[in-house]
């Protein structure tokens, strides 16, 4: 998937898996438009389905309809 996005490989990162093993994964820089503003984010290629990092979701509400083809919505939380 990263090849289709035209991302340039960066420095590989070590990641700890759920079983405690450590694997080296390819890492890329990408620009993501989030809340109308461009942000540089790290993209780590795991070889599985796409996942979104939790850090980008801070200050947002995520709603999941957990069903095949279910809807996913991301909303900005109201400020203080």
Protein backbone atom coordinates (compact mmCIF):
# COMPACT_ATOMS: atom_id res chain seq x y z
CA UNK A 1 0.00 0.00 0.00
CA UNK A 2 2.80 2.47 0.79
CA UNK A 3 4.21 2.05 -2.72
CA UNK A 4 0.87 3.10 -4.24
CA UNK A 5 0.98 6.30 -2.14
CA UNK A 6 4.44 7.23 -3.43
CA UNK A 7 5.96 7.36 0.07
CA UNK A 8 9.73 7.43 0.41
CA UNK A 9 11.20 4.94 2.88
CA UNK A 10 12.72 6.38 6.04
CA UNK A 11 14.61 4.76 8.91
CA UNK A 12 13.17 1.37 9.96
CA UNK A 13 11.70 1.21 13.48
CA UNK A 14 11.67 -1.57 16.07
CA UNK A 15 8.21 -2.50 17.31
CA UNK A 16 7.14 -4.81 20.15
CA UNK A 17 4.42 -7.24 19.14
CA UNK A 18 1.63 -8.53 21.38
CA UNK A 19 3.62 -11.69 22.15
CA UNK A 20 6.62 -9.64 23.32
CA UNK A 21 8.75 -10.29 20.22
CA UNK A 22 10.51 -7.34 18.59
CA UNK A 23 10.34 -6.88 14.83
CA UNK A 24 11.80 -4.25 12.51
CA UNK A 25 9.23 -2.43 10.37
CA UNK A 26 9.55 -0.03 7.44
CA UNK A 27 8.75 3.60 8.35
CA UNK A 28 7.77 6.47 6.02
CA UNK A 29 6.90 10.17 6.38
CA UNK A 30 3.60 11.32 4.95
CA UNK A 31 1.49 14.47 4.94
CA UNK A 32 -2.04 14.02 6.26
CA UNK A 33 -4.68 16.76 6.16
CA UNK A 34 -6.36 16.53 9.59
CA UNK A 35 -8.97 19.05 10.75
CA UNK A 36 -8.19 21.06 7.63
CA UNK A 37 -4.46 21.40 8.41
CA UNK A 38 -1.53 19.46 6.93
CA UNK A 39 0.43 17.39 9.47
CA UNK A 40 3.54 15.30 8.94
CA UNK A 41 2.96 11.83 10.34
CA UNK A 42 5.00 8.63 10.55
CA UNK A 43 3.58 5.72 8.58
CA UNK A 44 4.73 2.29 9.76
CA UNK A 45 4.15 -0.58 7.36
CA UNK A 46 3.07 -3.75 9.19
CA UNK A 47 2.04 -5.88 6.21
CA UNK A 48 -1.50 -6.22 7.56
CA UNK A 49 -4.62 -4.09 7.09
CA UNK A 50 -4.29 -0.31 7.51
CA UNK A 51 -4.42 0.99 11.09
CA UNK A 52 -4.58 4.55 12.42
CA UNK A 53 -2.39 5.63 15.31
CA UNK A 54 -4.04 6.77 18.52
CA UNK A 55 -2.02 10.01 18.81
CA UNK A 56 -3.76 11.56 15.78
CA UNK A 57 -7.15 10.85 17.40
CA UNK A 58 -6.53 12.95 20.54
CA UNK A 59 -9.38 15.46 20.93
CA UNK A 60 -11.74 13.45 18.74
CA UNK A 61 -14.63 11.02 19.22
CA UNK A 62 -14.49 7.81 17.18
CA UNK A 63 -17.69 5.81 16.67
CA UNK A 64 -17.53 2.32 15.18
CA UNK A 65 -20.41 0.21 13.93
CA UNK A 66 -18.73 -3.14 14.51
CA UNK A 67 -20.18 -5.12 11.60
CA UNK A 68 -19.03 -6.06 8.12
CA UNK A 69 -19.18 -2.79 6.16
CA UNK A 70 -20.00 -0.89 9.38
CA UNK A 71 -19.72 2.87 9.52
CA UNK A 72 -16.80 4.67 11.20
CA UNK A 73 -17.11 8.34 12.16
CA UNK A 74 -14.51 10.71 13.59
CA UNK A 75 -15.70 13.98 15.16
CA UNK A 76 -13.81 16.84 16.81
CA UNK A 77 -14.67 17.10 20.52
CA UNK A 78 -15.92 20.48 21.72
CA UNK A 79 -13.22 22.63 23.30
CA UNK A 80 -13.06 23.45 27.02
